[in-house]
Protein backbone atom coordinates (compact mmCIF):
# COMPACT_ATOMS: atom_id res chain seq x y z
CA UNK A 1 76.26 29.03 -31.72
CA UNK A 2 73.51 30.27 -34.04
CA UNK A 3 72.70 26.70 -35.09
CA UNK A 4 72.14 25.71 -31.44
CA UNK A 5 69.65 28.51 -30.91
CA UNK A 6 67.84 28.26 -34.22
CA UNK A 7 64.22 27.12 -34.22
CA UNK A 8 63.54 23.72 -35.85
CA UNK A 9 61.64 23.52 -39.15
CA UNK A 10 57.97 22.62 -39.17
CA UNK A 11 57.01 18.97 -39.17
CA UNK A 12 55.22 17.80 -42.28
CA UNK A 13 51.95 17.46 -40.35
CA UNK A 14 52.14 21.03 -39.13
CA UNK A 15 53.05 22.28 -42.57
CA UNK A 16 49.98 20.63 -44.07
CA UNK A 17 47.82 22.17 -41.37
CA UNK A 18 48.94 25.69 -42.20
CA UNK A 19 48.32 25.33 -45.90
CA UNK A 20 50.22 26.59 -48.93
CA UNK A 21 52.36 29.66 -48.97
CA UNK A 22 51.05 32.57 -51.02
CA UNK A 23 52.23 36.13 -51.25
CA UNK A 24 50.04 38.96 -49.97
CA UNK A 25 50.04 42.67 -49.26
CA UNK A 26 50.15 41.85 -45.54
CA UNK A 27 53.38 39.89 -46.00
CA UNK A 28 54.98 42.82 -47.80
CA UNK A 29 54.00 45.29 -45.07
CA UNK A 30 55.25 43.00 -42.30
CA UNK A 31 58.58 42.57 -44.08
CA UNK A 32 58.94 46.34 -44.44
CA UNK A 33 58.31 46.77 -40.72
CA UNK A 34 60.94 44.13 -39.90
CA UNK A 35 63.46 46.08 -41.97
CA UNK A 36 62.47 49.58 -40.85
CA UNK A 37 62.51 48.73 -37.14
CA UNK A 38 65.57 46.46 -37.39
CA UNK A 39 63.87 43.29 -36.19
CA UNK A 40 66.73 41.01 -37.16
CA UNK A 41 69.82 39.21 -35.88
CA UNK A 42 73.31 40.18 -37.05
CA UNK A 43 75.38 37.32 -38.47
CA UNK A 44 78.68 38.91 -39.32
CA UNK A 45 77.92 41.47 -42.01
CA UNK A 46 74.54 39.94 -42.82
CA UNK A 47 71.18 40.56 -41.18
CA UNK A 48 68.89 37.59 -40.63
CA UNK A 49 65.24 38.62 -40.60
CA UNK A 50 62.32 36.38 -39.61
CA UNK A 51 61.64 34.04 -42.51
CA UNK A 52 58.08 33.42 -43.65
CA UNK A 53 57.18 29.73 -43.50
CA UNK A 54 53.44 29.70 -44.14
CA UNK A 55 50.48 31.98 -44.61
CA UNK A 56 47.03 30.72 -43.67
CA UNK A 57 43.92 32.65 -44.73
CA UNK A 58 40.36 32.25 -43.57
CA UNK A 59 37.23 34.37 -43.48
CA UNK A 60 38.21 35.54 -39.97
CA UNK A 61 41.94 36.12 -40.13
CA UNK A 62 45.28 35.96 -41.90
CA UNK A 63 47.94 34.02 -39.98
CA UNK A 64 51.60 34.50 -40.86
CA UNK A 65 54.10 31.99 -39.46
CA UNK A 66 57.77 33.00 -39.31
CA UNK A 67 60.94 31.15 -38.39
CA UNK A 68 63.42 33.31 -36.48
CA UNK A 69 67.10 32.72 -35.62
CA UNK A 70 66.41 33.77 -32.01
CA UNK A 71 63.33 34.13 -29.85
CA UNK A 72 61.99 37.69 -29.68
CA UNK A 73 61.69 39.42 -26.33
CA UNK A 74 58.22 40.01 -24.97
CA UNK A 75 58.59 43.78 -25.18
CA UNK A 76 59.58 43.50 -28.85
CA UNK A 77 56.49 41.37 -29.52
CA UNK A 78 54.19 43.95 -27.92
CA UNK A 79 55.85 46.81 -29.84
CA UNK A 80 55.56 44.88 -33.10
CA UNK A 81 51.89 44.19 -32.39
CA UNK A 82 51.19 47.87 -31.78
CA UNK A 83 53.01 48.98 -34.96
CA UNK A 84 51.21 46.41 -37.11
CA UNK A 85 47.81 47.29 -35.62
CA UNK A 86 48.28 50.98 -36.46
CA UNK A 87 49.83 50.36 -39.89
CA UNK A 88 47.22 47.84 -41.06
CA UNK A 89 44.32 49.48 -39.19
CA UNK A 90 43.35 45.99 -38.08
CA UNK A 91 43.36 44.04 -34.84
CA UNK A 92 46.65 42.11 -34.68
CA UNK A 93 47.93 39.47 -32.27
CA UNK A 94 51.65 38.71 -32.10
CA UNK A 95 52.97 35.74 -30.14
CA UNK A 96 56.01 33.50 -29.98
CA UNK A 97 55.64 29.75 -29.41
CA UNK A 98 58.64 28.24 -31.20
CA UNK A 99 57.50 30.34 -34.14
CA UNK A 100 56.76 34.01 -34.55
CA UNK A 101 53.01 34.04 -35.18
CA UNK A 102 51.27 37.15 -36.53
CA UNK A 103 47.48 36.98 -36.65
CA UNK A 104 45.72 39.75 -38.59
CA UNK A 105 42.07 39.65 -37.58
CA UNK A 106 39.38 40.81 -39.98
CA UNK A 107 36.72 41.35 -37.32
CA UNK A 108 37.50 44.21 -34.98
CA UNK A 109 37.13 44.12 -31.22
CA UNK A 110 33.92 45.67 -29.91
CA UNK A 111 34.53 49.14 -28.47
CA UNK A 112 31.45 48.95 -26.23
CA UNK A 113 29.72 46.00 -24.54
CA UNK A 114 26.57 46.30 -22.46
CA UNK A 115 26.18 44.34 -19.23
CA UNK A 116 22.73 43.32 -20.48
CA UNK A 117 24.43 41.18 -23.14
CA UNK A 118 26.31 39.05 -20.59
CA UNK A 119 24.94 35.48 -20.62
CA UNK A 120 24.10 33.51 -17.49
CA UNK A 121 26.74 31.15 -16.15
CA UNK A 122 26.14 28.71 -13.32
CA UNK A 123 28.40 28.74 -10.27
CA UNK A 124 30.58 31.45 -8.76
CA UNK A 125 31.32 33.08 -12.08
CA UNK A 126 31.50 36.67 -13.29
CA UNK A 127 31.84 38.12 -16.81
CA UNK A 128 35.24 39.59 -17.60
CA UNK A 129 34.47 40.84 -21.07
CA UNK A 130 33.93 40.03 -24.70
CA UNK A 131 36.24 39.79 -27.70
CA UNK A 132 36.13 38.21 -31.16
CA UNK A 133 36.04 34.73 -29.64
CA UNK A 134 33.00 35.58 -27.50
CA UNK A 135 32.47 36.06 -23.76
CA UNK A 136 35.15 35.32 -21.16
CA UNK A 137 34.22 34.46 -17.57
CA UNK A 138 36.07 34.02 -14.31
CA UNK A 139 35.23 31.26 -11.82
CA UNK A 140 36.00 32.34 -8.25
CA UNK A 141 35.84 28.79 -6.90
CA UNK A 142 38.62 27.80 -9.32
CA UNK A 143 40.73 30.95 -8.86
CA UNK A 144 39.76 32.72 -5.61
CA UNK A 145 41.72 35.98 -5.90
CA UNK A 146 42.23 38.60 -8.58
CA UNK A 147 44.06 41.89 -9.03
CA UNK A 148 42.67 44.71 -11.16
CA UNK A 149 44.96 47.54 -12.28
CA UNK A 150 44.44 50.55 -14.48
CA UNK A 151 44.73 54.28 -14.86
CA UNK A 152 41.82 56.23 -13.44
CA UNK A 153 38.62 56.46 -15.52
CA UNK A 154 39.42 53.49 -17.75
CA UNK A 155 37.08 50.96 -16.12
CA UNK A 156 38.62 49.41 -13.01
CA UNK A 157 35.84 50.43 -10.60
CA UNK A 158 33.13 49.64 -13.17
CA UNK A 159 34.52 46.12 -13.41
CA UNK A 160 34.26 45.70 -9.64
CA UNK A 161 30.64 46.88 -9.76
CA UNK A 162 29.94 44.44 -12.60
CA UNK A 163 31.32 41.61 -10.45
CA UNK A 164 29.30 42.70 -7.41
CA UNK A 165 26.06 43.04 -9.40
CA UNK A 166 26.42 39.73 -11.21
CA UNK A 167 27.19 37.86 -7.99
CA UNK A 168 24.24 39.40 -6.12
CA UNK A 169 21.88 38.75 -9.03
CA UNK A 170 22.83 35.09 -9.22
CA UNK A 171 23.65 34.36 -5.54
CA UNK A 172 21.47 36.76 -3.54
CA UNK A 173 21.42 34.59 -0.40
CA UNK A 174 25.03 33.43 -0.46
CA UNK A 175 27.19 36.31 -1.74
CA UNK A 176 28.60 38.56 1.01
CA UNK A 177 30.78 41.63 0.62
CA UNK A 178 33.27 43.62 2.64
CA UNK A 179 34.08 46.67 0.51
CA UNK A 180 37.06 48.91 1.20
CA UNK A 181 36.40 52.02 -0.91
CA UNK A 182 39.42 54.24 -0.38
CA UNK A 183 38.11 56.94 -2.67
CA UNK A 184 36.37 58.31 0.40
CA UNK A 185 33.43 55.98 -0.09
CA UNK A 186 32.32 57.88 -3.19
CA UNK A 187 31.94 54.79 -5.39
CA UNK A 188 30.36 52.17 -3.13
CA UNK A 189 28.81 53.93 -0.12
CA UNK A 190 25.44 54.07 -1.90
CA UNK A 191 25.31 50.25 -1.70
CA UNK A 192 25.94 50.01 2.05
CA UNK A 193 22.36 49.00 2.89
CA UNK A 194 22.24 46.03 0.55
CA UNK A 195 21.71 42.91 2.62
CA UNK A 196 24.73 41.28 0.97
CA UNK A 197 27.08 44.15 1.95
CA UNK A 198 28.35 43.55 5.48
CA UNK A 199 30.54 46.63 5.75
CA UNK A 200 31.93 49.48 3.67
CA UNK A 201 35.14 51.16 4.84
CA UNK A 202 36.15 54.52 3.40
CA UNK A 203 39.47 55.24 5.14
CA UNK A 204 42.43 53.21 6.47
CA UNK A 205 41.15 53.08 10.08
CA UNK A 206 37.76 51.75 8.98
CA UNK A 207 39.59 49.40 6.61
CA UNK A 208 41.57 47.94 9.50
CA UNK A 209 38.38 47.34 11.51
CA UNK A 210 36.80 45.57 8.53
CA UNK A 211 39.87 43.47 7.81
CA UNK A 212 40.17 42.43 11.47
CA UNK A 213 36.60 41.25 11.22
CA UNK A 214 37.47 39.15 8.17
CA UNK A 215 40.55 37.80 9.97
CA UNK A 216 38.47 36.76 12.98
CA UNK A 217 35.92 35.11 10.74
CA UNK A 218 38.68 33.16 8.95
CA UNK A 219 39.94 31.87 12.30
CA UNK A 220 36.45 30.66 13.21
CA UNK A 221 36.06 29.01 9.81
CA UNK A 222 39.46 27.34 10.10
CA UNK A 223 38.54 25.87 13.49
CA UNK A 224 35.31 24.54 12.01
CA UNK A 225 37.11 23.09 9.00
CA UNK A 226 39.54 21.28 11.30
CA UNK A 227 36.70 19.82 13.37
CA UNK A 228 34.89 18.65 10.24
CA UNK A 229 38.02 17.38 8.47
CA UNK A 230 37.56 19.81 5.58
CA UNK A 231 40.41 21.36 3.60
CA UNK A 232 38.62 23.45 0.95
CA UNK A 233 35.19 25.06 0.93
CA UNK A 234 34.41 23.71 -2.54
CA UNK A 235 34.32 20.21 -1.00
CA UNK A 236 31.91 21.20 1.79
CA UNK A 237 28.13 21.80 1.97
CA UNK A 238 28.77 25.49 2.80
CA UNK A 239 27.18 27.74 0.20
CA UNK A 240 28.27 31.24 1.25
CA UNK A 241 31.27 33.11 -0.16
CA UNK A 242 32.76 36.32 1.22
CA UNK A 243 34.16 38.82 -1.30
CA UNK A 244 36.64 41.44 -0.07
CA UNK A 245 36.74 44.29 -2.61
CA UNK A 246 39.57 46.83 -2.36
CA UNK A 247 39.15 49.93 -4.53
CA UNK A 248 42.42 51.86 -4.61
CA UNK A 249 44.80 49.69 -2.62
CA UNK A 250 47.61 52.25 -3.00
CA UNK A 251 45.96 54.13 -0.14
CA UNK A 252 46.93 51.23 2.14
CA UNK A 253 50.64 51.51 1.36
CA UNK A 254 52.83 53.00 4.13
CA UNK A 255 54.95 56.00 3.05
CA UNK A 256 58.07 57.50 4.65
CA UNK A 257 56.42 60.84 5.37
CA UNK A 258 53.59 59.31 7.45
CA UNK A 259 53.29 59.38 11.22
CA UNK A 260 54.21 56.25 13.14
CA UNK A 261 50.62 55.32 14.05
CA UNK A 262 49.42 55.75 10.48
CA UNK A 263 52.23 53.53 9.21
CA UNK A 264 51.31 50.94 11.83
CA UNK A 265 47.65 50.95 10.76
CA UNK A 266 48.54 50.52 7.10
CA UNK A 267 51.10 47.80 7.86
CA UNK A 268 48.42 45.87 9.77
CA UNK A 269 46.06 46.20 6.81
CA UNK A 270 48.74 44.88 4.45
CA UNK A 271 49.49 41.98 6.79
CA UNK A 272 45.85 40.88 6.96
CA UNK A 273 45.40 41.23 3.20
CA UNK A 274 48.45 39.01 2.68
CA UNK A 275 46.92 36.47 5.07
CA UNK A 276 43.65 36.54 3.12
CA UNK A 277 45.57 35.98 -0.11
CA UNK A 278 47.50 33.04 1.38
CA UNK A 279 44.80 31.09 3.22
CA UNK A 280 41.46 32.78 2.55
CA UNK A 281 40.75 30.99 -0.73
CA UNK A 282 40.27 27.57 0.82
CA UNK A 283 38.01 29.10 3.49
CA UNK A 284 35.66 30.78 1.03
CA UNK A 285 37.12 34.30 1.10
CA UNK A 286 37.73 35.87 -2.30
CA UNK A 287 39.95 38.94 -2.68
CA UNK A 288 39.45 41.49 -5.49
CA UNK A 289 42.37 43.90 -5.19
CA UNK A 290 42.24 47.04 -7.31
CA UNK A 291 44.76 49.82 -7.76
CA UNK A 292 45.65 52.64 -10.13
CA UNK A 293 49.34 52.37 -9.22
CA UNK A 294 50.64 48.81 -9.67
CA UNK A 295 54.06 49.04 -8.06
CA UNK A 296 55.89 46.33 -6.13
CA UNK A 297 54.98 48.13 -2.88
CA UNK A 298 51.26 48.23 -3.67
CA UNK A 299 51.09 44.73 -5.16
CA UNK A 300 53.09 42.85 -2.54
CA UNK A 301 54.39 39.35 -3.19
CA UNK A 302 51.72 37.39 -1.29
CA UNK A 303 48.84 39.12 -3.03
CA UNK A 304 50.34 39.05 -6.51
CA UNK A 305 51.47 35.42 -6.38
CA UNK A 306 48.17 34.17 -5.01
CA UNK A 307 46.00 36.15 -7.43
CA UNK A 308 46.15 33.90 -10.46
CA UNK A 309 43.76 36.09 -12.42
CA UNK A 310 45.31 39.44 -13.26
CA UNK A 311 43.35 42.16 -15.06
CA UNK A 312 44.73 45.44 -16.34
CA UNK A 313 43.20 48.39 -18.10
CA UNK A 314 45.43 50.97 -19.75
CA UNK A 315 48.58 51.83 -17.79
CA UNK A 316 51.09 54.61 -18.28
CA UNK A 317 54.28 52.57 -18.68
CA UNK A 318 55.62 49.17 -19.64
CA UNK A 319 57.03 48.86 -16.11
CA UNK A 320 53.55 49.20 -14.60
CA UNK A 321 52.20 46.63 -17.06
CA UNK A 322 54.96 44.19 -16.14
CA UNK A 323 54.16 44.56 -12.43
CA UNK A 324 50.41 44.25 -12.96
CA UNK A 325 50.37 41.36 -15.45
CA UNK A 326 53.89 39.93 -15.48
CA UNK A 327 53.62 40.90 -19.14
CA UNK A 328 53.88 43.96 -21.33
CA UNK A 329 50.90 45.29 -23.25
CA UNK A 330 48.69 47.33 -20.90
CA UNK A 331 50.69 50.43 -21.85
CA UNK A 332 49.68 49.97 -25.51
CA UNK A 333 45.93 49.61 -24.94
CA UNK A 334 43.98 52.33 -26.81
CA UNK A 335 43.63 55.57 -24.90
CA UNK A 336 40.32 56.44 -26.57
CA UNK A 337 38.39 53.29 -25.62
CA UNK A 338 37.16 52.98 -22.04
CA UNK A 339 36.74 49.46 -20.71
CA UNK A 340 39.43 47.83 -22.86
CA UNK A 341 41.50 45.45 -20.73
CA UNK A 342 43.98 42.62 -20.75
CA UNK A 343 43.14 39.52 -18.70
CA UNK A 344 45.76 36.97 -17.77
CA UNK A 345 45.69 33.53 -16.23
CA UNK A 346 47.94 31.19 -18.23
CA UNK A 347 47.88 33.53 -21.24
CA UNK A 348 47.03 37.15 -22.00
CA UNK A 349 43.76 38.00 -23.74
CA UNK A 350 42.31 41.36 -24.72
CA UNK A 351 38.64 41.98 -23.93
CA UNK A 352 36.07 44.75 -23.79
CA UNK A 353 34.63 44.82 -20.25
CA UNK A 354 30.83 45.23 -20.02
CA UNK A 355 29.59 48.65 -18.98
CA UNK A 356 27.10 49.16 -16.16
CA UNK A 357 25.99 52.45 -14.58
CA UNK A 358 24.45 53.08 -11.16
CA UNK A 359 20.85 53.34 -12.42
CA UNK A 360 21.08 49.93 -14.05
CA UNK A 361 22.78 48.45 -10.98
CA UNK A 362 19.99 49.72 -8.75
CA UNK A 363 17.27 48.35 -11.04
CA UNK A 364 18.87 44.95 -10.75
CA UNK A 365 19.84 44.73 -7.07
CA UNK A 366 18.22 47.70 -5.31
CA UNK A 367 15.43 45.43 -4.12
CA UNK A 368 17.87 43.89 -1.62
CA UNK A 369 18.21 47.15 0.31
CA UNK A 370 17.35 46.72 3.99
CA UNK A 371 17.39 48.91 7.09
CA UNK A 372 20.65 48.39 8.97
CA UNK A 373 21.75 49.29 12.45
CA UNK A 374 24.90 51.40 12.57
CA UNK A 375 27.73 49.43 14.14
CA UNK A 376 30.47 51.40 15.91
CA UNK A 377 33.79 49.57 16.51
CA UNK A 378 34.93 49.52 20.13
CA UNK A 379 38.33 50.62 21.36
CA UNK A 380 39.91 47.24 20.56
CA UNK A 381 39.05 47.65 16.88
CA UNK A 382 36.41 44.90 16.98
CA UNK A 383 32.66 44.90 16.63
CA UNK A 384 29.93 42.37 17.09
CA UNK A 385 28.85 41.70 13.50
CA UNK A 386 29.56 38.20 12.24
CA UNK A 387 29.78 37.36 8.57
CA UNK A 388 27.46 34.37 8.61
């Protein structure tokens, strides 16, 4: 049975690539950690530990390649990474792709990154953060929807403001925003008079009005797409994109103790958000869905499955990390570094998100402030503002 599950030996080409095996202090420490934390497989009375195959050194990192009798669980990999990072006082990456790969990085992650450092990127792109490999960006026309999770005060709302600012700076005539700020409007209300901001909702009733407006706009766009024979906005001459930002989506989750009408309002909000996640991407609607409490109720299936970019700042448990990212690790992010996050599309990467305060935001986009007429929804929950 063990032979069937064992990992094959390296090919000669791969062995040459990794270089010659040499002993090191890092190897000794890793072996001690294997033994101390019982990272092994029992074979009768014997314990089979990961076996070092190659060590590759460069000016940037030390890479240790191990053969293991069985694949290690994801949670074990994240725990091992955390232990090694603390023990070696170095940045460490641990992964398993046929081999157990431990990368000990000599250059530490930045603990602070300024928004001013973010380079320009053409298209519907926003900076996600910087790590040892450089800047990482997200392209909304390639991946329309994203979820952002994280414990309060670790950077979730700042990241949304970074996205908003970057998009307005680089697409002032084409970026449009519906912002649902369920922290009572405290974070985004000051931006309500920007010409790009079509509406800011600060409670569930206002959120429903705003989302109905988006829903109606999607219906109109869909009719137009059908008439024109279009299937995706990226293949059309249309230049505008509508971004729906949700800051603290947990406030839109129905609870047992709520009154019937309140539950109904929240259920309608959830239904429209799921519709945006399912069909909005092709129509030019981009959802940015943020929450402090990533549970299965808050991150429903439609939203989570259609948001191919997942971002998480520090979370309080491995369960929350698994819900937010489909991966462990957010629970082990440093508690003393604000703005440190994991980003995941096809793989998980750790980055430092750029910081941006209100004064800097206003210097950059305050010039787009315009006088706006107050729009009051009628009794049907509709108003007469169209999204363009």
